[in-house]
Full PDB file with SEQRES, HELIX, SHEET, SSBOND, CRYST1, ORIGX, SCALE, CONECT and MASTER records, all heavy atoms in Angstrom:
SEQRES   1 A   43  LEU ARG SER TYR ILE VAL GLU TYR HIS PRO VAL LEU ILE          
SEQRES   2 A   43  ALA VAL ASP GLY GLY ALA ASP ALA LEU LEU GLU MET ARG          
SEQRES   3 A   43  PHE THR PRO ASP ILE ILE ILE GLY ASP PHE ASP SER LEU          
SEQRES   4 A   43  SER GLU ARG ALA                                              
HELIX    1 AA1 ARG A    2  TYR A    8  1                                   7    
HELIX    2 AA2 GLY A   18  GLU A   24  1                                   7    
SHEET    1 AA1 2 ILE A  13  VAL A  15  0                                        
SHEET    2 AA1 2 ILE A  31  ILE A  33  1                                        
CRYST1    1.000    1.000    1.000  90.00  90.00  90.00 P 1           1          
ORIGX1      1.000000  0.000000  0.000000        0.00000                         
ORIGX2      0.000000  1.000000  0.000000        0.00000                         
ORIGX3      0.000000  0.000000  1.000000        0.00000                         
SCALE1      1.000000  0.000000  0.000000        0.00000                         
SCALE2      0.000000  1.000000  0.000000        0.00000                         
SCALE3      0.000000  0.000000  1.000000        0.00000                         
ATOM      1  N   LEU A   1       8.168   0.707  14.091  1.00  0.00           N  
ATOM      2  CA  LEU A   1       9.299   0.560  13.189  1.00  0.00           C  
ATOM      3  C   LEU A   1       9.725   1.876  12.543  1.00  0.00           C  
ATOM      4  O   LEU A   1      10.619   1.870  11.683  1.00  0.00           O  
ATOM      5  CB  LEU A   1       8.972  -0.460  12.091  1.00  0.00           C  
ATOM      6  CG  LEU A   1       8.889  -1.927  12.519  1.00  0.00           C  
ATOM      7  CD1 LEU A   1       8.409  -2.779  11.365  1.00  0.00           C  
ATOM      8  CD2 LEU A   1      10.228  -2.414  13.016  1.00  0.00           C  
ATOM      9  N   ARG A   2       9.084   2.978  12.906  1.00  0.00           N  
ATOM     10  CA  ARG A   2       9.380   4.241  12.224  1.00  0.00           C  
ATOM     11  C   ARG A   2      10.879   4.565  12.260  1.00  0.00           C  
ATOM     12  O   ARG A   2      11.496   4.923  11.248  1.00  0.00           O  
ATOM     13  CB  ARG A   2       8.577   5.383  12.838  1.00  0.00           C  
ATOM     14  CG  ARG A   2       8.860   6.736  12.209  1.00  0.00           C  
ATOM     15  CD  ARG A   2       7.975   7.823  12.811  1.00  0.00           C  
ATOM     16  NE  ARG A   2       6.603   7.682  12.389  1.00  0.00           N  
ATOM     17  CZ  ARG A   2       6.143   8.149  11.214  1.00  0.00           C  
ATOM     18  NH1 ARG A   2       6.976   8.757  10.376  1.00  0.00           N  
ATOM     19  NH2 ARG A   2       4.872   8.006  10.893  1.00  0.00           N  
ATOM     20  N   SER A   3      11.493   4.478  13.456  1.00  0.00           N  
ATOM     21  CA  SER A   3      12.917   4.815  13.568  1.00  0.00           C  
ATOM     22  C   SER A   3      13.781   3.852  12.760  1.00  0.00           C  
ATOM     23  O   SER A   3      14.758   4.249  12.119  1.00  0.00           O  
ATOM     24  CB  SER A   3      13.345   4.780  15.038  1.00  0.00           C  
ATOM     25  OG  SER A   3      12.659   5.748  15.768  1.00  0.00           O  
ATOM     26  N   TYR A   4      13.391   2.574  12.750  1.00  0.00           N  
ATOM     27  CA  TYR A   4      14.115   1.580  11.968  1.00  0.00           C  
ATOM     28  C   TYR A   4      14.052   1.934  10.477  1.00  0.00           C  
ATOM     29  O   TYR A   4      15.069   1.881   9.766  1.00  0.00           O  
ATOM     30  CB  TYR A   4      13.518   0.199  12.224  1.00  0.00           C  
ATOM     31  CG  TYR A   4      13.856  -0.840  11.175  1.00  0.00           C  
ATOM     32  CD1 TYR A   4      15.114  -1.462  11.175  1.00  0.00           C  
ATOM     33  CD2 TYR A   4      12.957  -1.217  10.188  1.00  0.00           C  
ATOM     34  CE1 TYR A   4      15.439  -2.413  10.217  1.00  0.00           C  
ATOM     35  CE2 TYR A   4      13.267  -2.151   9.239  1.00  0.00           C  
ATOM     36  CZ  TYR A   4      14.505  -2.757   9.253  1.00  0.00           C  
ATOM     37  OH  TYR A   4      14.832  -3.676   8.287  1.00  0.00           O  
ATOM     38  N   ILE A   5      12.878   2.316   9.990  1.00  0.00           N  
ATOM     39  CA  ILE A   5      12.718   2.663   8.573  1.00  0.00           C  
ATOM     40  C   ILE A   5      13.554   3.878   8.214  1.00  0.00           C  
ATOM     41  O   ILE A   5      14.227   3.907   7.187  1.00  0.00           O  
ATOM     42  CB  ILE A   5      11.233   2.894   8.244  1.00  0.00           C  
ATOM     43  CG1 ILE A   5      10.431   1.598   8.441  1.00  0.00           C  
ATOM     44  CG2 ILE A   5      11.072   3.384   6.810  1.00  0.00           C  
ATOM     45  CD1 ILE A   5       8.919   1.788   8.343  1.00  0.00           C  
ATOM     46  N   VAL A   6      13.528   4.884   9.091  1.00  0.00           N  
ATOM     47  CA  VAL A   6      14.255   6.117   8.820  1.00  0.00           C  
ATOM     48  C   VAL A   6      15.763   5.856   8.760  1.00  0.00           C  
ATOM     49  O   VAL A   6      16.463   6.398   7.911  1.00  0.00           O  
ATOM     50  CB  VAL A   6      13.939   7.169   9.881  1.00  0.00           C  
ATOM     51  CG1 VAL A   6      14.874   8.363   9.781  1.00  0.00           C  
ATOM     52  CG2 VAL A   6      12.496   7.630   9.751  1.00  0.00           C  
ATOM     53  N   GLU A   7      16.250   4.997   9.642  1.00  0.00           N  
ATOM     54  CA  GLU A   7      17.720   4.771   9.677  1.00  0.00           C  
ATOM     55  C   GLU A   7      18.187   3.796   8.608  1.00  0.00           C  
ATOM     56  O   GLU A   7      19.194   4.028   7.943  1.00  0.00           O  
ATOM     57  CB  GLU A   7      18.140   4.254  11.052  1.00  0.00           C  
ATOM     58  CG  GLU A   7      19.662   4.025  11.139  1.00  0.00           C  
ATOM     59  CD  GLU A   7      20.141   3.682  12.530  1.00  0.00           C  
ATOM     60  OE1 GLU A   7      19.312   3.690  13.457  1.00  0.00           O  
ATOM     61  OE2 GLU A   7      21.323   3.394  12.673  1.00  0.00           O  
ATOM     62  N   TYR A   8      17.473   2.682   8.417  1.00  0.00           N  
ATOM     63  CA  TYR A   8      17.956   1.640   7.523  1.00  0.00           C  
ATOM     64  C   TYR A   8      17.466   1.792   6.062  1.00  0.00           C  
ATOM     65  O   TYR A   8      18.012   1.165   5.172  1.00  0.00           O  
ATOM     66  CB  TYR A   8      17.545   0.265   8.046  1.00  0.00           C  
ATOM     67  CG  TYR A   8      18.475  -0.239   9.127  1.00  0.00           C  
ATOM     68  CD1 TYR A   8      18.245   0.050  10.452  1.00  0.00           C  
ATOM     69  CD2 TYR A   8      19.551  -1.056   8.803  1.00  0.00           C  
ATOM     70  CE1 TYR A   8      19.075  -0.388  11.441  1.00  0.00           C  
ATOM     71  CE2 TYR A   8      20.415  -1.511   9.784  1.00  0.00           C  
ATOM     72  CZ  TYR A   8      20.170  -1.193  11.094  1.00  0.00           C  
ATOM     73  OH  TYR A   8      21.008  -1.651  12.067  1.00  0.00           O  
ATOM     74  N   HIS A   9      16.441   2.608   5.847  1.00  0.00           N  
ATOM     75  CA  HIS A   9      15.908   2.793   4.505  1.00  0.00           C  
ATOM     76  C   HIS A   9      15.650   1.463   3.789  1.00  0.00           C  
ATOM     77  O   HIS A   9      16.176   1.220   2.693  1.00  0.00           O  
ATOM     78  CB  HIS A   9      16.835   3.639   3.650  1.00  0.00           C  
ATOM     79  CG  HIS A   9      17.087   5.008   4.229  1.00  0.00           C  
ATOM     80  ND1 HIS A   9      16.135   6.001   4.240  1.00  0.00           N  
ATOM     81  CD2 HIS A   9      18.202   5.540   4.806  1.00  0.00           C  
ATOM     82  CE1 HIS A   9      16.652   7.081   4.813  1.00  0.00           C  
ATOM     83  NE2 HIS A   9      17.884   6.827   5.176  1.00  0.00           N  
ATOM     84  N   PRO A  10      14.866   0.568   4.402  1.00  0.00           N  
ATOM     85  CA  PRO A  10      14.599  -0.712   3.732  1.00  0.00           C  
ATOM     86  C   PRO A  10      13.746  -0.490   2.486  1.00  0.00           C  
ATOM     87  O   PRO A  10      13.049   0.524   2.359  1.00  0.00           O  
ATOM     88  CB  PRO A  10      13.810  -1.504   4.787  1.00  0.00           C  
ATOM     89  CG  PRO A  10      13.124  -0.443   5.598  1.00  0.00           C  
ATOM     90  CD  PRO A  10      14.089   0.721   5.664  1.00  0.00           C  
ATOM     91  N   VAL A  11      13.825  -1.446   1.567  1.00  0.00           N  
ATOM     92  CA  VAL A  11      12.925  -1.440   0.419  1.00  0.00           C  
ATOM     93  C   VAL A  11      11.518  -1.671   0.937  1.00  0.00           C  
ATOM     94  O   VAL A  11      11.272  -2.641   1.647  1.00  0.00           O  
ATOM     95  CB  VAL A  11      13.324  -2.504  -0.615  1.00  0.00           C  
ATOM     96  CG1 VAL A  11      12.342  -2.509  -1.789  1.00  0.00           C  
ATOM     97  CG2 VAL A  11      14.740  -2.312  -1.087  1.00  0.00           C  
ATOM     98  N   LEU A  12      10.577  -0.798   0.585  1.00  0.00           N  
ATOM     99  CA  LEU A  12       9.216  -0.900   1.077  1.00  0.00           C  
ATOM    100  C   LEU A  12       8.343  -1.572   0.024  1.00  0.00           C  
ATOM    101  O   LEU A  12       8.046  -1.002  -1.029  1.00  0.00           O  
ATOM    102  CB  LEU A  12       8.668   0.494   1.425  1.00  0.00           C  
ATOM    103  CG  LEU A  12       9.463   1.297   2.435  1.00  0.00           C  
ATOM    104  CD1 LEU A  12       8.853   2.653   2.683  1.00  0.00           C  
ATOM    105  CD2 LEU A  12       9.572   0.523   3.765  1.00  0.00           C  
ATOM    106  N   ILE A  13       7.963  -2.840   0.309  1.00  0.00           N  
ATOM    107  CA  ILE A  13       7.137  -3.608  -0.614  1.00  0.00           C  
ATOM    108  C   ILE A  13       5.746  -3.729  -0.019  1.00  0.00           C  
ATOM    109  O   ILE A  13       5.567  -4.311   1.055  1.00  0.00           O  
ATOM    110  CB  ILE A  13       7.735  -5.025  -0.848  1.00  0.00           C  
ATOM    111  CG1 ILE A  13       9.160  -4.894  -1.398  1.00  0.00           C  
ATOM    112  CG2 ILE A  13       6.859  -5.807  -1.812  1.00  0.00           C  
ATOM    113  CD1 ILE A  13       9.827  -6.249  -1.631  1.00  0.00           C  
ATOM    114  N   ALA A  14       4.764  -3.168  -0.700  1.00  0.00           N  
ATOM    115  CA  ALA A  14       3.400  -3.177  -0.208  1.00  0.00           C  
ATOM    116  C   ALA A  14       2.603  -4.264  -0.943  1.00  0.00           C  
ATOM    117  O   ALA A  14       2.708  -4.397  -2.162  1.00  0.00           O  
ATOM    118  CB  ALA A  14       2.744  -1.816  -0.426  1.00  0.00           C  
ATOM    119  N   VAL A  15       1.806  -5.001  -0.189  1.00  0.00           N  
ATOM    120  CA  VAL A  15       0.900  -5.979  -0.783  1.00  0.00           C  
ATOM    121  C   VAL A  15      -0.485  -5.336  -0.858  1.00  0.00           C  
ATOM    122  O   VAL A  15      -1.126  -5.123   0.173  1.00  0.00           O  
ATOM    123  CB  VAL A  15       0.857  -7.259   0.048  1.00  0.00           C  
ATOM    124  CG1 VAL A  15      -0.120  -8.266  -0.569  1.00  0.00           C  
ATOM    125  CG2 VAL A  15       2.256  -7.869   0.154  1.00  0.00           C  
ATOM    126  N   ASP A  16      -0.918  -4.979  -2.060  1.00  0.00           N  
ATOM    127  CA  ASP A  16      -2.212  -4.330  -2.296  1.00  0.00           C  
ATOM    128  C   ASP A  16      -2.444  -3.182  -1.328  1.00  0.00           C  
ATOM    129  O   ASP A  16      -1.714  -2.190  -1.343  1.00  0.00           O  
ATOM    130  CB  ASP A  16      -3.321  -5.384  -2.202  1.00  0.00           C  
ATOM    131  CG  ASP A  16      -3.333  -6.308  -3.418  1.00  0.00           C  
ATOM    132  OD1 ASP A  16      -3.091  -5.812  -4.519  1.00  0.00           O  
ATOM    133  OD2 ASP A  16      -3.581  -7.504  -3.255  1.00  0.00           O  
ATOM    134  N   GLY A  17      -3.437  -3.277  -0.429  1.00  0.00           N  
ATOM    135  CA  GLY A  17      -3.772  -2.200   0.461  1.00  0.00           C  
ATOM    136  C   GLY A  17      -2.647  -1.807   1.416  1.00  0.00           C  
ATOM    137  O   GLY A  17      -2.749  -0.764   2.092  1.00  0.00           O  
ATOM    138  N   GLY A  18      -1.606  -2.592   1.508  1.00  0.00           N  
ATOM    139  CA  GLY A  18      -0.429  -2.192   2.305  1.00  0.00           C  
ATOM    140  C   GLY A  18       0.178  -0.902   1.833  1.00  0.00           C  
ATOM    141  O   GLY A  18       0.862  -0.212   2.578  1.00  0.00           O  
ATOM    142  N   ALA A  19      -0.066  -0.579   0.534  1.00  0.00           N  
ATOM    143  CA  ALA A  19       0.446   0.710   0.004  1.00  0.00           C  
ATOM    144  C   ALA A  19      -0.203   1.854   0.739  1.00  0.00           C  
ATOM    145  O   ALA A  19       0.473   2.848   1.124  1.00  0.00           O  
ATOM    146  CB  ALA A  19       0.156   0.788  -1.477  1.00  0.00           C  
ATOM    147  N   ASP A  20      -1.504   1.788   0.970  1.00  0.00           N  
ATOM    148  CA  ASP A  20      -2.196   2.864   1.701  1.00  0.00           C  
ATOM    149  C   ASP A  20      -1.766   2.877   3.161  1.00  0.00           C  
ATOM    150  O   ASP A  20      -1.730   3.956   3.779  1.00  0.00           O  
ATOM    151  CB  ASP A  20      -3.693   2.688   1.581  1.00  0.00           C  
ATOM    152  CG  ASP A  20      -4.215   3.036   0.199  1.00  0.00           C  
ATOM    153  OD1 ASP A  20      -4.096   4.227  -0.181  1.00  0.00           O  
ATOM    154  OD2 ASP A  20      -4.698   2.134  -0.504  1.00  0.00           O  
ATOM    155  N   ALA A  21      -1.456   1.709   3.723  1.00  0.00           N  
ATOM    156  CA  ALA A  21      -0.966   1.672   5.100  1.00  0.00           C  
ATOM    157  C   ALA A  21       0.350   2.434   5.221  1.00  0.00           C  
ATOM    158  O   ALA A  21       0.542   3.194   6.164  1.00  0.00           O  
ATOM    159  CB  ALA A  21      -0.766   0.196   5.525  1.00  0.00           C  
ATOM    160  N   LEU A  22       1.249   2.289   4.249  1.00  0.00           N  
ATOM    161  CA  LEU A  22       2.501   3.031   4.271  1.00  0.00           C  
ATOM    162  C   LEU A  22       2.267   4.524   4.057  1.00  0.00           C  
ATOM    163  O   LEU A  22       2.873   5.348   4.746  1.00  0.00           O  
ATOM    164  CB  LEU A  22       3.433   2.493   3.195  1.00  0.00           C  
ATOM    165  CG  LEU A  22       4.147   1.175   3.498  1.00  0.00           C  
ATOM    166  CD1 LEU A  22       4.761   0.565   2.251  1.00  0.00           C  
ATOM    167  CD2 LEU A  22       5.204   1.361   4.595  1.00  0.00           C  
ATOM    168  N   LEU A  23       1.394   4.857   3.126  1.00  0.00           N  
ATOM    169  CA  LEU A  23       1.118   6.257   2.879  1.00  0.00           C  
ATOM    170  C   LEU A  23       0.503   6.947   4.078  1.00  0.00           C  
ATOM    171  O   LEU A  23       0.778   8.127   4.343  1.00  0.00           O  
ATOM    172  CB  LEU A  23       0.202   6.395   1.663  1.00  0.00           C  
ATOM    173  CG  LEU A  23       0.827   6.008   0.310  1.00  0.00           C  
ATOM    174  CD1 LEU A  23      -0.233   5.914  -0.771  1.00  0.00           C  
ATOM    175  CD2 LEU A  23       1.913   7.007  -0.090  1.00  0.00           C  
ATOM    176  N   GLU A  24      -0.312   6.231   4.837  1.00  0.00           N  
ATOM    177  CA  GLU A  24      -0.889   6.772   6.077  1.00  0.00           C  
ATOM    178  C   GLU A  24       0.201   7.189   7.038  1.00  0.00           C  
ATOM    179  O   GLU A  24       0.064   8.150   7.793  1.00  0.00           O  
ATOM    180  CB  GLU A  24      -1.770   5.752   6.772  1.00  0.00           C  
ATOM    181  CG  GLU A  24      -3.122   5.515   6.101  1.00  0.00           C  
ATOM    182  CD  GLU A  24      -3.875   4.369   6.769  1.00  0.00           C  
ATOM    183  OE1 GLU A  24      -3.456   3.949   7.887  1.00  0.00           O  
ATOM    184  OE2 GLU A  24      -4.848   3.881   6.205  1.00  0.00           O  
ATOM    185  N   MET A  25       1.323   6.444   7.026  1.00  0.00           N  
ATOM    186  CA  MET A  25       2.444   6.728   7.933  1.00  0.00           C  
ATOM    187  C   MET A  25       3.488   7.633   7.292  1.00  0.00           C  
ATOM    188  O   MET A  25       4.591   7.790   7.800  1.00  0.00           O  
ATOM    189  CB  MET A  25       3.098   5.406   8.336  1.00  0.00           C  
ATOM    190  CG  MET A  25       2.174   4.420   9.013  1.00  0.00           C  
ATOM    191  SD  MET A  25       1.489   5.034  10.573  1.00  0.00           S  
ATOM    192  CE  MET A  25       2.939   5.165  11.586  1.00  0.00           C  
ATOM    193  N   ARG A  26       3.145   8.231   6.139  1.00  0.00           N  
ATOM    194  CA  ARG A  26       4.003   9.151   5.401  1.00  0.00           C  
ATOM    195  C   ARG A  26       5.255   8.489   4.850  1.00  0.00           C  
ATOM    196  O   ARG A  26       6.324   9.107   4.755  1.00  0.00           O  
ATOM    197  CB  ARG A  26       4.351  10.368   6.278  1.00  0.00           C  
ATOM    198  CG  ARG A  26       3.122  11.146   6.709  1.00  0.00           C  
ATOM    199  CD  ARG A  26       3.498  12.373   7.508  1.00  0.00           C  
ATOM    200  NE  ARG A  26       2.306  13.125   7.922  1.00  0.00           N  
ATOM    201  CZ  ARG A  26       2.323  14.229   8.648  1.00  0.00           C  
ATOM    202  NH1 ARG A  26       3.473  14.741   9.054  1.00  0.00           N  
ATOM    203  NH2 ARG A  26       1.183  14.836   8.971  1.00  0.00           N  
ATOM    204  N   PHE A  27       5.123   7.230   4.472  1.00  0.00           N  
ATOM    205  CA  PHE A  27       6.164   6.534   3.747  1.00  0.00           C  
ATOM    206  C   PHE A  27       5.614   6.165   2.366  1.00  0.00           C  
ATOM    207  O   PHE A  27       4.449   5.827   2.226  1.00  0.00           O  
ATOM    208  CB  PHE A  27       6.612   5.270   4.459  1.00  0.00           C  
ATOM    209  CG  PHE A  27       7.297   5.520   5.784  1.00  0.00           C  
ATOM    210  CD1 PHE A  27       6.703   5.126   6.974  1.00  0.00           C  
ATOM    211  CD2 PHE A  27       8.538   6.141   5.837  1.00  0.00           C  
ATOM    212  CE1 PHE A  27       7.308   5.363   8.198  1.00  0.00           C  
ATOM    213  CE2 PHE A  27       9.162   6.375   7.050  1.00  0.00           C  
ATOM    214  CZ  PHE A  27       8.556   5.984   8.241  1.00  0.00           C  
ATOM    215  N   THR A  28       6.451   6.211   1.358  1.00  0.00           N  
ATOM    216  CA  THR A  28       6.047   5.876  -0.006  1.00  0.00           C  
ATOM    217  C   THR A  28       6.560   4.498  -0.379  1.00  0.00           C  
ATOM    218  O   THR A  28       7.790   4.259  -0.309  1.00  0.00           O  
ATOM    219  CB  THR A  28       6.552   6.912  -1.012  1.00  0.00           C  
ATOM    220  OG1 THR A  28       6.076   8.199  -0.646  1.00  0.00           O  
ATOM    221  CG2 THR A  28       6.084   6.595  -2.419  1.00  0.00           C  
ATOM    222  N   PRO A  29       5.685   3.576  -0.775  1.00  0.00           N  
ATOM    223  CA  PRO A  29       6.168   2.245  -1.156  1.00  0.00           C  
ATOM    224  C   PRO A  29       7.044   2.297  -2.406  1.00  0.00           C  
ATOM    225  O   PRO A  29       6.821   3.111  -3.322  1.00  0.00           O  
ATOM    226  CB  PRO A  29       4.878   1.463  -1.417  1.00  0.00           C  
ATOM    227  CG  PRO A  29       3.848   2.512  -1.713  1.00  0.00           C  
ATOM    228  CD  PRO A  29       4.227   3.717  -0.897  1.00  0.00           C  
ATOM    229  N   ASP A  30       8.055   1.434  -2.419  1.00  0.00           N  
ATOM    230  CA  ASP A  30       8.895   1.318  -3.641  1.00  0.00           C  
ATOM    231  C   ASP A  30       8.238   0.393  -4.637  1.00  0.00           C  
ATOM    232  O   ASP A  30       8.339   0.603  -5.860  1.00  0.00           O  
ATOM    233  CB  ASP A  30      10.285   0.752  -3.226  1.00  0.00           C  
ATOM    234  CG  ASP A  30      11.019   1.693  -2.287  1.00  0.00           C  
ATOM    235  OD1 ASP A  30      11.310   2.833  -2.702  1.00  0.00           O  
ATOM    236  OD2 ASP A  30      11.308   1.277  -1.155  1.00  0.00           O  
ATOM    237  N   ILE A  31       7.589  -0.648  -4.117  1.00  0.00           N  
ATOM    238  CA  ILE A  31       6.984  -1.679  -4.961  1.00  0.00           C  
ATOM    239  C   ILE A  31       5.603  -2.017  -4.418  1.00  0.00           C  
ATOM    240  O   ILE A  31       5.434  -2.140  -3.186  1.00  0.00           O  
ATOM    241  CB  ILE A  31       7.841  -2.969  -5.009  1.00  0.00           C  
ATOM    242  CG1 ILE A  31       9.216  -2.674  -5.628  1.00  0.00           C  
ATOM    243  CG2 ILE A  31       7.128  -4.082  -5.760  1.00  0.00           C  
ATOM    244  CD1 ILE A  31      10.214  -3.819  -5.471  1.00  0.00           C  
ATOM    245  N   ILE A  32       4.613  -2.156  -5.289  1.00  0.00           N  
ATOM    246  CA  ILE A  32       3.294  -2.663  -4.892  1.00  0.00           C  
ATOM    247  C   ILE A  32       3.063  -3.940  -5.680  1.00  0.00           C  
ATOM    248  O   ILE A  32       3.192  -3.964  -6.906  1.00  0.00           O  
ATOM    249  CB  ILE A  32       2.162  -1.657  -5.198  1.00  0.00           C  
ATOM    250  CG1 ILE A  32       2.446  -0.304  -4.516  1.00  0.00           C  
ATOM    251  CG2 ILE A  32       0.822  -2.220  -4.742  1.00  0.00           C  
ATOM    252  CD1 ILE A  32       1.441   0.780  -4.880  1.00  0.00           C  
ATOM    253  N   ILE A  33       2.702  -5.006  -4.985  1.00  0.00           N  
ATOM    254  CA  ILE A  33       2.477  -6.306  -5.617  1.00  0.00           C  
ATOM    255  C   ILE A  33       1.131  -6.864  -5.152  1.00  0.00           C  
ATOM    256  O   ILE A  33       0.712  -6.634  -4.034  1.00  0.00           O  
ATOM    257  CB  ILE A  33       3.620  -7.283  -5.286  1.00  0.00           C  
ATOM    258  CG1 ILE A  33       3.467  -8.600  -6.053  1.00  0.00           C  
ATOM    259  CG2 ILE A  33       3.712  -7.548  -3.782  1.00  0.00           C  
ATOM    260  CD1 ILE A  33       4.685  -9.507  -5.952  1.00  0.00           C  
ATOM    261  N   GLY A  34       0.454  -7.585  -6.037  1.00  0.00           N  
ATOM    262  CA  GLY A  34      -0.819  -8.210  -5.672  1.00  0.00           C  
ATOM    263  C   GLY A  34      -1.781  -8.251  -6.832  1.00  0.00           C  
ATOM    264  O   GLY A  34      -1.364  -8.263  -8.004  1.00  0.00           O  
ATOM    265  N   ASP A  35      -3.078  -8.237  -6.494  1.00  0.00           N  
ATOM    266  CA  ASP A  35      -4.116  -8.219  -7.532  1.00  0.00           C  
ATOM    267  C   ASP A  35      -4.799  -6.874  -7.655  1.00  0.00           C  
ATOM    268  O   ASP A  35      -5.757  -6.726  -8.416  1.00  0.00           O  
ATOM    269  CB  ASP A  35      -5.129  -9.331  -7.315  1.00  0.00           C  
ATOM    270  CG  ASP A  35      -5.798  -9.239  -5.942  1.00  0.00           C  
ATOM    271  OD1 ASP A  35      -5.690  -8.176  -5.291  1.00  0.00           O  
ATOM    272  OD2 ASP A  35      -6.421 -10.228  -5.529  1.00  0.00           O  
ATOM    273  N   PHE A  36      -4.336  -5.899  -6.875  1.00  0.00           N  
ATOM    274  CA  PHE A  36      -4.719  -4.499  -7.030  1.00  0.00           C  
ATOM    275  C   PHE A  36      -6.236  -4.282  -6.896  1.00  0.00           C  
ATOM    276  O   PHE A  36      -6.834  -3.469  -7.597  1.00  0.00           O  
ATOM    277  CB  PHE A  36      -4.197  -3.936  -8.362  1.00  0.00           C  
ATOM    278  CG  PHE A  36      -2.709  -3.949  -8.451  1.00  0.00           C  
ATOM    279  CD1 PHE A  36      -2.029  -5.062  -8.916  1.00  0.00           C  
ATOM    280  CD2 PHE A  36      -1.972  -2.854  -8.028  1.00  0.00           C  
ATOM    281  CE1 PHE A  36      -0.651  -5.096  -8.954  1.00  0.00           C  
ATOM    282  CE2 PHE A  36      -0.586  -2.889  -8.065  1.00  0.00           C  
ATOM    283  CZ  PHE A  36       0.079  -4.004  -8.545  1.00  0.00           C  
ATOM    284  N   ASP A  37      -6.827  -4.990  -5.960  1.00  0.00           N  
ATOM    285  CA  ASP A  37      -8.270  -4.861  -5.747  1.00  0.00           C  
ATOM    286  C   ASP A  37      -8.645  -3.919  -4.626  1.00  0.00           C  
ATOM    287  O   ASP A  37      -9.820  -3.722  -4.328  1.00  0.00           O  
ATOM    288  CB  ASP A  37      -8.903  -6.232  -5.508  1.00  0.00           C  
ATOM    289  CG  ASP A  37      -8.440  -6.865  -4.204  1.00  0.00           C  
ATOM    290  OD1 ASP A  37      -7.393  -6.413  -3.674  1.00  0.00           O  
ATOM    291  OD2 ASP A  37      -9.103  -7.792  -3.730  1.00  0.00           O  
ATOM    292  N   SER A  38      -7.645  -3.342  -3.948  1.00  0.00           N  
ATOM    293  CA  SER A  38      -7.997  -2.520  -2.773  1.00  0.00           C  
ATOM    294  C   SER A  38      -7.105  -1.285  -2.649  1.00  0.00           C  
ATOM    295  O   SER A  38      -6.829  -0.813  -1.552  1.00  0.00           O  
ATOM    296  CB  SER A  38      -7.889  -3.370  -1.499  1.00  0.00           C  
ATOM    297  OG  SER A  38      -6.602  -3.946  -1.380  1.00  0.00           O  
ATOM    298  N   LEU A  39      -6.648  -0.745  -3.772  1.00  0.00           N  
ATOM    299  CA  LEU A  39      -5.807   0.441  -3.749  1.00  0.00           C  
ATOM    300  C   LEU A  39      -6.627   1.710  -3.895  1.00  0.00           C  
ATOM    301  O   LEU A  39      -7.584   1.750  -4.664  1.00  0.00           O  
ATOM    302  CB  LEU A  39      -4.781   0.391  -4.898  1.00  0.00           C  
ATOM    303  CG  LEU A  39      -3.358  -0.088  -4.566  1.00  0.00           C  
ATOM    304  CD1 LEU A  39      -3.423  -1.544  -4.143  1.00  0.00           C  
ATOM    305  CD2 LEU A  39      -2.431   0.095  -5.770  1.00  0.00           C  
ATOM    306  N   SER A  40      -6.237   2.726  -3.161  1.00  0.00           N  
ATOM    307  CA  SER A  40      -6.853   4.053  -3.339  1.00  0.00           C  
ATOM    308  C   SER A  40      -6.218   4.714  -4.539  1.00  0.00           C  
ATOM    309  O   SER A  40      -5.143   4.307  -5.030  1.00  0.00           O  
ATOM    310  CB  SER A  40      -6.633   4.891  -2.079  1.00  0.00           C  
ATOM    311  OG  SER A  40      -5.252   5.229  -1.938  1.00  0.00           O  
ATOM    312  N   GLU A  41      -6.835   5.789  -5.017  1.00  0.00           N  
ATOM    313  CA  GLU A  41      -6.263   6.520  -6.137  1.00  0.00           C  
ATOM    314  C   GLU A  41      -4.911   7.128  -5.757  1.00  0.00           C  
ATOM    315  O   GLU A  41      -4.015   7.246  -6.589  1.00  0.00           O  
ATOM    316  CB  GLU A  41      -7.234   7.614  -6.589  1.00  0.00           C  
ATOM    317  CG  GLU A  41      -8.426   7.075  -7.335  1.00  0.00           C  
ATOM    318  CD  GLU A  41      -8.029   6.257  -8.564  1.00  0.00           C  
ATOM    319  OE1 GLU A  41      -7.100   6.672  -9.307  1.00  0.00           O  
ATOM    320  OE2 GLU A  41      -8.664   5.211  -8.790  1.00  0.00           O  
ATOM    321  N   ARG A  42      -4.777   7.487  -4.480  1.00  0.00           N  
ATOM    322  CA  ARG A  42      -3.495   8.023  -4.011  1.00  0.00           C  
ATOM    323  C   ARG A  42      -2.391   6.978  -4.149  1.00  0.00           C  
ATOM    324  O   ARG A  42      -1.274   7.308  -4.561  1.00  0.00           O  
ATOM    325  CB  ARG A  42      -3.644   8.461  -2.549  1.00  0.00           C  
ATOM    326  CG  ARG A  42      -2.395   9.082  -1.957  1.00  0.00           C  
ATOM    327  CD  ARG A  42      -2.585   9.359  -0.476  1.00  0.00           C  
ATOM    328  NE  ARG A  42      -1.386   9.903   0.134  1.00  0.00           N  
ATOM    329  CZ  ARG A  42      -1.166   9.922   1.451  1.00  0.00           C  
ATOM    330  NH1 ARG A  42      -2.074   9.417   2.266  1.00  0.00           N  
ATOM    331  NH2 ARG A  42      -0.052  10.440   1.941  1.00  0.00           N  
ATOM    332  N   ALA A  43      -2.720   5.725  -3.824  1.00  0.00           N  
ATOM    333  CA  ALA A  43      -1.711   4.658  -3.948  1.00  0.00           C  
ATOM    334  C   ALA A  43      -1.385   4.376  -5.401  1.00  0.00           C  
ATOM    335  O   ALA A  43      -0.218   4.135  -5.752  1.00  0.00           O  
ATOM    336  CB  ALA A  43      -2.217   3.402  -3.255  1.00  0.00           C  
TER     337      ALA A  43                                                      
MASTER        0    0    0    2    2    0    0    6  336    1    0    4          
END                                                                             
C-alpha cells in the first residue's frame, strides 16, 4: 500500500502496536487508539 498512502494521504490510525508498524515503514500515525500496552518509546 506504500504507493496508495503516498498518493491519497489517508488518515493513519494505529491500534496500539500498529503505531510501530507504521513507523517501521517510515510513516507517522495521525492517531493512536487502544489500551497502550505495546507501544515503544518512539511511538
